[in-house]
PDB file of all heavy atoms in Angstrom:
ATOM      1  N   ASN A   1      -4.713   1.685   7.828  1.00  0.00           N
ATOM      2  CA  ASN A   1      -4.266   2.796   8.700  1.00  0.00           C
ATOM      3  C   ASN A   1      -4.547   2.467  10.149  1.00  0.00           C
ATOM      4  O   ASN A   1      -3.749   2.813  11.064  1.00  0.00           O
ATOM      5  CB  ASN A   1      -4.870   4.118   8.332  1.00  0.00           C
ATOM      6  CG  ASN A   1      -4.372   4.602   6.934  1.00  0.00           C
ATOM      7  OD1 ASN A   1      -3.538   3.910   6.326  1.00  0.00           O
ATOM      8  ND2 ASN A   1      -4.866   5.742   6.497  1.00  0.00           N
ATOM      9  N   TRP A   2      -5.698   1.847  10.418  1.00  0.00           N
ATOM     10  CA  TRP A   2      -6.076   1.503  11.785  1.00  0.00           C
ATOM     11  C   TRP A   2      -5.096   0.551  12.377  1.00  0.00           C
ATOM     12  O   TRP A   2      -4.702   0.641  13.513  1.00  0.00           O
ATOM     13  CB  TRP A   2      -7.488   0.958  11.814  1.00  0.00           C
ATOM     14  CG  TRP A   2      -7.981   0.503  13.149  1.00  0.00           C
ATOM     15  CD1 TRP A   2      -8.311   1.315  14.191  1.00  0.00           C
ATOM     16  CD2 TRP A   2      -8.113  -0.853  13.614  1.00  0.00           C
ATOM     17  NE1 TRP A   2      -8.682   0.549  15.294  1.00  0.00           N
ATOM     18  CE2 TRP A   2      -8.549  -0.775  14.980  1.00  0.00           C
ATOM     19  CE3 TRP A   2      -7.928  -2.055  13.047  1.00  0.00           C
ATOM     20  CZ2 TRP A   2      -8.805  -1.913  15.698  1.00  0.00           C
ATOM     21  CZ3 TRP A   2      -8.204  -3.200  13.773  1.00  0.00           C
ATOM     22  CH2 TRP A   2      -8.630  -3.132  15.094  1.00  0.00           C
ATOM     23  N   VAL A   3      -4.728  -0.551  11.606  1.00  0.00           N
ATOM     24  CA  VAL A   3      -3.753  -1.489  12.085  1.00  0.00           C
ATOM     25  C   VAL A   3      -2.405  -0.848  12.319  1.00  0.00           C
ATOM     26  O   VAL A   3      -1.765  -1.111  13.331  1.00  0.00           O
ATOM     27  CB  VAL A   3      -3.635  -2.655  11.073  1.00  0.00           C
ATOM     28  CG1 VAL A   3      -2.516  -3.554  11.477  1.00  0.00           C
ATOM     29  CG2 VAL A   3      -4.916  -3.461  10.991  1.00  0.00           C
ATOM     30  N   LEU A   4      -2.005   0.010  11.441  1.00  0.00           N
ATOM     31  CA  LEU A   4      -0.701   0.729  11.623  1.00  0.00           C
ATOM     32  C   LEU A   4      -0.737   1.598  12.830  1.00  0.00           C
ATOM     33  O   LEU A   4       0.245   1.709  13.599  1.00  0.00           O
ATOM     34  CB  LEU A   4      -0.412   1.570  10.393  1.00  0.00           C
ATOM     35  CG  LEU A   4      -0.071   0.812   9.113  1.00  0.00           C
ATOM     36  CD1 LEU A   4       0.160   1.773   7.914  1.00  0.00           C
ATOM     37  CD2 LEU A   4       1.170  -0.083   9.260  1.00  0.00           C
ATOM     38  N   GLN A   5      -1.864   2.211  13.110  1.00  0.00           N
ATOM     39  CA  GLN A   5      -2.003   3.101  14.287  1.00  0.00           C
ATOM     40  C   GLN A   5      -1.922   2.240  15.563  1.00  0.00           C
ATOM     41  O   GLN A   5      -1.342   2.713  16.582  1.00  0.00           O
ATOM     42  CB  GLN A   5      -3.340   3.823  14.234  1.00  0.00           C
ATOM     43  CG  GLN A   5      -3.486   4.834  15.365  1.00  0.00           C
ATOM     44  CD  GLN A   5      -4.867   5.635  15.230  1.00  0.00           C
ATOM     45  OE1 GLN A   5      -5.671   5.271  14.382  1.00  0.00           O
ATOM     46  NE2 GLN A   5      -4.953   6.594  16.024  1.00  0.00           N
ATOM     47  N   LEU A   6      -2.393   1.021  15.529  1.00  0.00           N
ATOM     48  CA  LEU A   6      -2.329   0.206  16.709  1.00  0.00           C
ATOM     49  C   LEU A   6      -0.909  -0.139  17.114  1.00  0.00           C
ATOM     50  O   LEU A   6      -0.569  -0.299  18.296  1.00  0.00           O
ATOM     51  CB  LEU A   6      -3.137  -1.134  16.497  1.00  0.00           C
ATOM     52  CG  LEU A   6      -4.664  -1.030  16.445  1.00  0.00           C
ATOM     53  CD1 LEU A   6      -5.250  -2.417  16.168  1.00  0.00           C
ATOM     54  CD2 LEU A   6      -5.205  -0.493  17.752  1.00  0.00           C
ATOM     55  N   ILE A   7      -0.009  -0.230  16.122  1.00  0.00           N
ATOM     56  CA  ILE A   7       1.407  -0.596  16.398  1.00  0.00           C
ATOM     57  C   ILE A   7       2.244   0.678  16.462  1.00  0.00           C
ATOM     58  O   ILE A   7       3.488   0.577  16.435  1.00  0.00           O
ATOM     59  CB  ILE A   7       1.915  -1.562  15.350  1.00  0.00           C
ATOM     60  CG1 ILE A   7       1.869  -0.990  13.965  1.00  0.00           C
ATOM     61  CG2 ILE A   7       1.175  -2.877  15.466  1.00  0.00           C
ATOM     62  CD1 ILE A   7       2.461  -1.927  12.896  1.00  0.00           C
ATOM     63  N   GLY A   8       1.591   1.848  16.455  1.00  0.00           N
ATOM     64  CA  GLY A   8       2.367   3.074  16.615  1.00  0.00           C
ATOM     65  C   GLY A   8       3.037   3.657  15.367  1.00  0.00           C
ATOM     66  O   GLY A   8       3.968   4.422  15.459  1.00  0.00           O
ATOM     67  N   VAL A   9       2.520   3.277  14.207  1.00  0.00           N
ATOM     68  CA  VAL A   9       3.124   3.740  12.925  1.00  0.00           C
ATOM     69  C   VAL A   9       2.103   4.707  12.278  1.00  0.00           C
ATOM     70  O   VAL A   9       0.949   4.427  12.175  1.00  0.00           O
ATOM     71  CB  VAL A   9       3.358   2.527  11.950  1.00  0.00           C
ATOM     72  CG1 VAL A   9       3.930   3.080  10.648  1.00  0.00           C
ATOM     73  CG2 VAL A   9       4.344   1.582  12.587  1.00  0.00           C
ATOM     74  N   THR A  10       2.660   5.878  11.891  1.00  0.00           N
ATOM     75  CA  THR A  10       1.827   6.828  11.237  1.00  0.00           C
ATOM     76  C   THR A  10       1.694   6.511   9.738  1.00  0.00           C
ATOM     77  O   THR A  10       2.677   6.368   9.022  1.00  0.00           O
ATOM     78  CB  THR A  10       2.478   8.282  11.314  1.00  0.00           C
ATOM     79  OG1 THR A  10       2.599   8.592  12.690  1.00  0.00           O
ATOM     80  CG2 THR A  10       1.605   9.299  10.642  1.00  0.00           C
ATOM     81  N   ALA A  11       0.446   6.352   9.312  1.00  0.00           N
ATOM     82  CA  ALA A  11       0.204   5.964   7.931  1.00  0.00           C
ATOM     83  C   ALA A  11       0.533   7.119   6.977  1.00  0.00           C
ATOM     84  O   ALA A  11       0.243   8.252   7.234  1.00  0.00           O
ATOM     85  CB  ALA A  11      -1.254   5.558   7.728  1.00  0.00           C
ATOM     86  N   PRO A  12       1.201   6.809   5.832  1.00  0.00           N
ATOM     87  CA  PRO A  12       1.476   7.876   4.867  1.00  0.00           C
ATOM     88  C   PRO A  12       0.263   8.155   4.001  1.00  0.00           C
ATOM     89  O   PRO A  12      -0.764   7.541   4.123  1.00  0.00           O
ATOM     90  CB  PRO A  12       2.623   7.207   4.014  1.00  0.00           C
ATOM     91  CG  PRO A  12       2.276   5.746   4.061  1.00  0.00           C
ATOM     92  CD  PRO A  12       1.724   5.477   5.443  1.00  0.00           C
ATOM     93  N   GLY A  13       0.414   9.166   3.209  1.00  0.00           N
ATOM     94  CA  GLY A  13      -0.660   9.473   2.218  1.00  0.00           C
ATOM     95  C   GLY A  13      -0.472   8.503   1.037  1.00  0.00           C
ATOM     96  O   GLY A  13       0.265   8.805   0.100  1.00  0.00           O
ATOM     97  N   TRP A  14      -1.185   7.374   1.096  1.00  0.00           N
ATOM     98  CA  TRP A  14      -0.962   6.304   0.149  1.00  0.00           C
ATOM     99  C   TRP A  14      -1.064   6.758  -1.302  1.00  0.00           C
ATOM    100  O   TRP A  14      -0.221   6.362  -2.131  1.00  0.00           O
ATOM    101  CB  TRP A  14      -1.923   5.177   0.387  1.00  0.00           C
ATOM    102  CG  TRP A  14      -1.782   4.545   1.782  1.00  0.00           C
ATOM    103  CD1 TRP A  14      -2.672   4.700   2.851  1.00  0.00           C
ATOM    104  CD2 TRP A  14      -0.747   3.678   2.246  1.00  0.00           C
ATOM    105  NE1 TRP A  14      -2.225   3.988   3.918  1.00  0.00           N
ATOM    106  CE2 TRP A  14      -1.106   3.369   3.614  1.00  0.00           C
ATOM    107  CE3 TRP A  14       0.372   3.191   1.666  1.00  0.00           C
ATOM    108  CZ2 TRP A  14      -0.273   2.517   4.343  1.00  0.00           C
ATOM    109  CZ3 TRP A  14       1.205   2.366   2.438  1.00  0.00           C
ATOM    110  CH2 TRP A  14       0.913   2.015   3.725  1.00  0.00           C
ATOM    111  N   THR A  15      -2.071   7.564  -1.607  1.00  0.00           N
ATOM    112  CA  THR A  15      -2.266   7.990  -2.973  1.00  0.00           C
ATOM    113  C   THR A  15      -2.092   9.485  -3.193  1.00  0.00           C
ATOM    114  O   THR A  15      -2.163   9.966  -4.310  1.00  0.00           O
ATOM    115  CB  THR A  15      -3.666   7.612  -3.478  1.00  0.00           C
ATOM    116  OG1 THR A  15      -4.653   8.205  -2.565  1.00  0.00           O
ATOM    117  CG2 THR A  15      -3.901   6.129  -3.463  1.00  0.00           C
ATOM    118  N   THR A  16      -1.718  10.158  -2.085  1.00  0.00           N
ATOM    119  CA  THR A  16      -1.566  11.648  -2.228  1.00  0.00           C
ATOM    120  C   THR A  16      -0.137  12.070  -2.014  1.00  0.00           C
ATOM    121  O   THR A  16       0.239  13.229  -2.328  1.00  0.00           O
ATOM    122  CB  THR A  16      -2.448  12.385  -1.239  1.00  0.00           C
ATOM    123  OG1 THR A  16      -2.124  11.894   0.141  1.00  0.00           O
ATOM    124  CG2 THR A  16      -3.912  12.109  -1.453  1.00  0.00           C
ATOM    125  N   ASP A  17       0.711  11.179  -1.492  1.00  0.00           N
ATOM    126  CA  ASP A  17       2.121  11.484  -1.301  1.00  0.00           C
ATOM    127  C   ASP A  17       2.900  11.015  -2.557  1.00  0.00           C
ATOM    128  O   ASP A  17       2.809   9.863  -2.914  1.00  0.00           O
ATOM    129  CB  ASP A  17       2.619  10.794  -0.042  1.00  0.00           C
ATOM    130  CG  ASP A  17       4.049  11.209   0.355  1.00  0.00           C
ATOM    131  OD1 ASP A  17       4.826  11.538  -0.566  1.00  0.00           O
ATOM    132  OD2 ASP A  17       4.377  11.108   1.501  1.00  0.00           O
ATOM    133  N   SER A  18       3.658  11.935  -3.178  1.00  0.00           N
ATOM    134  CA  SER A  18       4.404  11.532  -4.365  1.00  0.00           C
ATOM    135  C   SER A  18       5.399  10.383  -4.141  1.00  0.00           C
ATOM    136  O   SER A  18       5.685   9.626  -5.069  1.00  0.00           O
ATOM    137  CB  SER A  18       5.191  12.784  -4.867  1.00  0.00           C
ATOM    138  OG  SER A  18       4.294  13.841  -5.228  1.00  0.00           O
ATOM    139  N   GLY A  19       5.916  10.274  -2.933  1.00  0.00           N
ATOM    140  CA  GLY A  19       6.836   9.213  -2.637  1.00  0.00           C
ATOM    141  C   GLY A  19       6.210   7.859  -2.458  1.00  0.00           C
ATOM    142  O   GLY A  19       6.875   6.840  -2.529  1.00  0.00           O
ATOM    143  N   TRP A  20       4.918   7.864  -2.192  1.00  0.00           N
ATOM    144  CA  TRP A  20       4.204   6.624  -1.875  1.00  0.00           C
ATOM    145  C   TRP A  20       3.214   6.170  -3.019  1.00  0.00           C
ATOM    146  O   TRP A  20       2.831   4.997  -3.058  1.00  0.00           O
ATOM    147  CB  TRP A  20       3.450   6.660  -0.562  1.00  0.00           C
ATOM    148  CG  TRP A  20       4.278   6.479   0.626  1.00  0.00           C
ATOM    149  CD1 TRP A  20       4.906   7.435   1.404  1.00  0.00           C
ATOM    150  CD2 TRP A  20       4.675   5.227   1.188  1.00  0.00           C
ATOM    151  NE1 TRP A  20       5.612   6.815   2.420  1.00  0.00           N
ATOM    152  CE2 TRP A  20       5.519   5.481   2.286  1.00  0.00           C
ATOM    153  CE3 TRP A  20       4.359   3.892   0.878  1.00  0.00           C
ATOM    154  CZ2 TRP A  20       6.033   4.506   3.082  1.00  0.00           C
ATOM    155  CZ3 TRP A  20       4.907   2.869   1.629  1.00  0.00           C
ATOM    156  CH2 TRP A  20       5.731   3.160   2.730  1.00  0.00           C
ATOM    157  N   ALA A  21       2.791   7.118  -3.828  1.00  0.00           N
ATOM    158  CA  ALA A  21       1.710   6.799  -4.771  1.00  0.00           C
ATOM    159  C   ALA A  21       2.080   5.705  -5.752  1.00  0.00           C
ATOM    160  O   ALA A  21       1.267   4.762  -5.980  1.00  0.00           O
ATOM    161  CB  ALA A  21       1.377   8.119  -5.559  1.00  0.00           C
ATOM    162  N   LEU A  22       3.291   5.745  -6.311  1.00  0.00           N
ATOM    163  CA  LEU A  22       3.669   4.717  -7.276  1.00  0.00           C
ATOM    164  C   LEU A  22       3.833   3.369  -6.619  1.00  0.00           C
ATOM    165  O   LEU A  22       3.439   2.322  -7.177  1.00  0.00           O
ATOM    166  CB  LEU A  22       4.979   5.101  -7.949  1.00  0.00           C
ATOM    167  CG  LEU A  22       5.404   4.209  -9.134  1.00  0.00           C
ATOM    168  CD1 LEU A  22       4.393   4.357 -10.275  1.00  0.00           C
ATOM    169  CD2 LEU A  22       6.820   4.565  -9.627  1.00  0.00           C
ATOM    170  N   VAL A  23       4.341   3.351  -5.363  1.00  0.00           N
ATOM    171  CA  VAL A  23       4.437   2.109  -4.598  1.00  0.00           C
ATOM    172  C   VAL A  23       3.090   1.536  -4.318  1.00  0.00           C
ATOM    173  O   VAL A  23       2.879   0.309  -4.413  1.00  0.00           O
ATOM    174  CB  VAL A  23       5.240   2.364  -3.292  1.00  0.00           C
ATOM    175  CG1 VAL A  23       5.311   1.049  -2.460  1.00  0.00           C
ATOM    176  CG2 VAL A  23       6.618   2.890  -3.585  1.00  0.00           C
ATOM    177  N   THR A  24       2.117   2.391  -3.989  1.00  0.00           N
ATOM    178  CA  THR A  24       0.758   1.955  -3.698  1.00  0.00           C
ATOM    179  C   THR A  24       0.120   1.315  -4.915  1.00  0.00           C
ATOM    180  O   THR A  24      -0.492   0.268  -4.900  1.00  0.00           O
ATOM    181  CB  THR A  24      -0.082   3.122  -3.224  1.00  0.00           C
ATOM    182  OG1 THR A  24       0.477   3.671  -2.061  1.00  0.00           O
ATOM    183  CG2 THR A  24      -1.485   2.698  -2.881  1.00  0.00           C
ATOM    184  N   VAL A  25       0.233   1.978  -6.066  1.00  0.00           N
ATOM    185  CA  VAL A  25      -0.345   1.481  -7.305  1.00  0.00           C
ATOM    186  C   VAL A  25       0.343   0.130  -7.690  1.00  0.00           C
ATOM    187  O   VAL A  25      -0.319  -0.789  -8.113  1.00  0.00           O
ATOM    188  CB  VAL A  25      -0.211   2.494  -8.458  1.00  0.00           C
ATOM    189  CG1 VAL A  25      -0.686   1.895  -9.794  1.00  0.00           C
ATOM    190  CG2 VAL A  25      -0.996   3.741  -8.145  1.00  0.00           C
ATOM    191  N   ALA A  26       1.637   0.094  -7.515  1.00  0.00           N
ATOM    192  CA  ALA A  26       2.375  -1.189  -7.750  1.00  0.00           C
ATOM    193  C   ALA A  26       1.891  -2.282  -6.842  1.00  0.00           C
ATOM    194  O   ALA A  26       1.769  -3.445  -7.250  1.00  0.00           O
ATOM    195  CB  ALA A  26       3.873  -0.923  -7.633  1.00  0.00           C
ATOM    196  N   GLY A  27       1.645  -1.934  -5.575  1.00  0.00           N
ATOM    197  CA  GLY A  27       1.184  -2.944  -4.635  1.00  0.00           C
ATOM    198  C   GLY A  27      -0.189  -3.506  -5.008  1.00  0.00           C
ATOM    199  O   GLY A  27      -0.428  -4.712  -4.862  1.00  0.00           O
ATOM    200  N   VAL A  28      -1.090  -2.654  -5.453  1.00  0.00           N
ATOM    201  CA  VAL A  28      -2.370  -3.131  -5.918  1.00  0.00           C
ATOM    202  C   VAL A  28      -2.245  -4.040  -7.154  1.00  0.00           C
ATOM    203  O   VAL A  28      -2.937  -5.045  -7.248  1.00  0.00           O
ATOM    204  CB  VAL A  28      -3.305  -1.877  -6.240  1.00  0.00           C
ATOM    205  CG1 VAL A  28      -4.599  -2.357  -6.855  1.00  0.00           C
ATOM    206  CG2 VAL A  28      -3.611  -1.145  -4.974  1.00  0.00           C
ATOM    207  N   THR A  29      -1.335  -3.669  -8.041  1.00  0.00           N
ATOM    208  CA  THR A  29      -1.104  -4.495  -9.244  1.00  0.00           C
ATOM    209  C   THR A  29      -0.538  -5.858  -8.820  1.00  0.00           C
ATOM    210  O   THR A  29      -0.919  -6.891  -9.374  1.00  0.00           O
ATOM    211  CB  THR A  29      -0.125  -3.769 -10.180  1.00  0.00           C
ATOM    212  OG1 THR A  29      -0.623  -2.477 -10.487  1.00  0.00           O
ATOM    213  CG2 THR A  29      -0.003  -4.565 -11.514  1.00  0.00           C
ATOM    214  N   VAL A  30       0.357  -5.857  -7.850  1.00  0.00           N
ATOM    215  CA  VAL A  30       0.901  -7.136  -7.348  1.00  0.00           C
ATOM    216  C   VAL A  30      -0.223  -7.971  -6.750  1.00  0.00           C
ATOM    217  O   VAL A  30      -0.285  -9.193  -7.000  1.00  0.00           O
ATOM    218  CB  VAL A  30       1.958  -6.859  -6.293  1.00  0.00           C
ATOM    219  CG1 VAL A  30       2.389  -8.161  -5.533  1.00  0.00           C
ATOM    220  CG2 VAL A  30       3.221  -6.269  -6.932  1.00  0.00           C
ATOM    221  N   TRP A  31      -1.123  -7.370  -6.033  1.00  0.00           N
ATOM    222  CA  TRP A  31      -2.248  -8.080  -5.433  1.00  0.00           C
ATOM    223  C   TRP A  31      -3.096  -8.680  -6.535  1.00  0.00           C
ATOM    224  O   TRP A  31      -3.608  -9.806  -6.365  1.00  0.00           O
ATOM    225  CB  TRP A  31      -3.077  -7.090  -4.562  1.00  0.00           C
ATOM    226  CG  TRP A  31      -4.226  -7.717  -3.912  1.00  0.00           C
ATOM    227  CD1 TRP A  31      -4.251  -8.408  -2.741  1.00  0.00           C
ATOM    228  CD2 TRP A  31      -5.611  -7.533  -4.308  1.00  0.00           C
ATOM    229  NE1 TRP A  31      -5.540  -8.803  -2.395  1.00  0.00           N
ATOM    230  CE2 TRP A  31      -6.363  -8.238  -3.349  1.00  0.00           C
ATOM    231  CE3 TRP A  31      -6.232  -6.938  -5.376  1.00  0.00           C
ATOM    232  CZ2 TRP A  31      -7.752  -8.305  -3.412  1.00  0.00           C
ATOM    233  CZ3 TRP A  31      -7.650  -7.016  -5.461  1.00  0.00           C
ATOM    234  CH2 TRP A  31      -8.388  -7.715  -4.470  1.00  0.00           C
ATOM    235  N   MET A  32      -3.242  -7.992  -7.669  1.00  0.00           N
ATOM    236  CA  MET A  32      -4.067  -8.488  -8.745  1.00  0.00           C
ATOM    237  C   MET A  32      -3.428  -9.664  -9.475  1.00  0.00           C
ATOM    238  O   MET A  32      -4.127 -10.634  -9.797  1.00  0.00           O
ATOM    239  CB  MET A  32      -4.364  -7.319  -9.723  1.00  0.00           C
ATOM    240  CG  MET A  32      -5.242  -6.261  -9.191  1.00  0.00           C
ATOM    241  SD  MET A  32      -5.392  -4.846 -10.412  1.00  0.00           S
ATOM    242  CE  MET A  32      -5.901  -5.738 -11.854  1.00  0.00           C
ATOM    243  N   VAL A  33      -2.117  -9.590  -9.707  1.00  0.00           N
ATOM    244  CA  VAL A  33      -1.510 -10.660 -10.506  1.00  0.00           C
ATOM    245  C   VAL A  33      -1.093 -11.825  -9.644  1.00  0.00           C
ATOM    246  O   VAL A  33      -0.879 -12.936 -10.204  1.00  0.00           O
ATOM    247  CB  VAL A  33      -0.225 -10.133 -11.222  1.00  0.00           C
ATOM    248  CG1 VAL A  33      -0.575  -8.958 -12.096  1.00  0.00           C
ATOM    249  CG2 VAL A  33       0.873  -9.761 -10.229  1.00  0.00           C
ATOM    250  N   SER A  34      -1.083 -11.717  -8.352  1.00  0.00           N
ATOM    251  CA  SER A  34      -0.615 -12.824  -7.472  1.00  0.00           C
ATOM    252  C   SER A  34      -1.536 -14.041  -7.562  1.00  0.00           C
ATOM    253  O   SER A  34      -1.045 -15.150  -7.452  1.00  0.00           O
ATOM    254  CB  SER A  34      -0.512 -12.322  -6.025  1.00  0.00           C
ATOM    255  OG  SER A  34       0.549 -11.369  -5.875  1.00  0.00           O
ATOM    256  N   GLY A  35      -2.809 -13.856  -7.722  1.00  0.00           N
ATOM    257  CA  GLY A  35      -3.760 -14.935  -7.798  1.00  0.00           C
ATOM    258  C   GLY A  35      -3.461 -15.873  -8.990  1.00  0.00           C
ATOM    259  O   GLY A  35      -3.328 -17.084  -8.830  1.00  0.00           O
ATOM    260  N   PHE A  36      -3.297 -15.269 -10.128  1.00  0.00           N
ATOM    261  CA  PHE A  36      -2.996 -16.055 -11.361  1.00  0.00           C
ATOM    262  C   PHE A  36      -1.616 -16.703 -11.261  1.00  0.00           C
ATOM    263  O   PHE A  36      -1.475 -17.888 -11.578  1.00  0.00           O
ATOM    264  CB  PHE A  36      -3.055 -15.153 -12.605  1.00  0.00           C
ATOM    265  CG  PHE A  36      -2.633 -15.812 -13.851  1.00  0.00           C
ATOM    266  CD1 PHE A  36      -3.509 -16.774 -14.485  1.00  0.00           C
ATOM    267  CD2 PHE A  36      -1.392 -15.603 -14.450  1.00  0.00           C
ATOM    268  CE1 PHE A  36      -3.128 -17.378 -15.649  1.00  0.00           C
ATOM    269  CE2 PHE A  36      -1.016 -16.248 -15.636  1.00  0.00           C
ATOM    270  CZ  PHE A  36      -1.871 -17.141 -16.199  1.00  0.00           C
ATOM    271  N   ASN A  37      -0.634 -15.954 -10.759  1.00  0.00           N
ATOM    272  CA  ASN A  37       0.721 -16.494 -10.659  1.00  0.00           C
ATOM    273  C   ASN A  37       0.758 -17.677  -9.657  1.00  0.00           C
ATOM    274  O   ASN A  37       1.450 -18.639  -9.850  1.00  0.00           O
ATOM    275  CB  ASN A  37       1.651 -15.398 -10.220  1.00  0.00           C
ATOM    276  CG  ASN A  37       1.893 -14.394 -11.320  1.00  0.00           C
ATOM    277  OD1 ASN A  37       1.425 -14.541 -12.432  1.00  0.00           O
ATOM    278  ND2 ASN A  37       2.574 -13.310 -10.969  1.00  0.00           N
ATOM    279  N   LEU A  38      -0.091 -17.526  -8.588  1.00  0.00           N
ATOM    280  CA  LEU A  38      -0.130 -18.630  -7.630  1.00  0.00           C
ATOM    281  C   LEU A  38      -0.693 -19.879  -8.214  1.00  0.00           C
ATOM    282  O   LEU A  38      -0.204 -20.997  -7.965  1.00  0.00           O
ATOM    283  CB  LEU A  38      -0.962 -18.180  -6.409  1.00  0.00           C
ATOM    284  CG  LEU A  38      -1.209 -19.175  -5.312  1.00  0.00           C
ATOM    285  CD1 LEU A  38       0.153 -19.616  -4.692  1.00  0.00           C
ATOM    286  CD2 LEU A  38      -2.104 -18.647  -4.237  1.00  0.00           C
TER     287      LEU A  38
END
């Protein structure tokens, strides 16, 4: 959120906003599987 604030972007509610929560969980899963896939 701090980096986003530096560039003038308002951070969403990553895990509290219904529109962002699934994307956030998917992003964490991608982060987890990327090491093995790499």
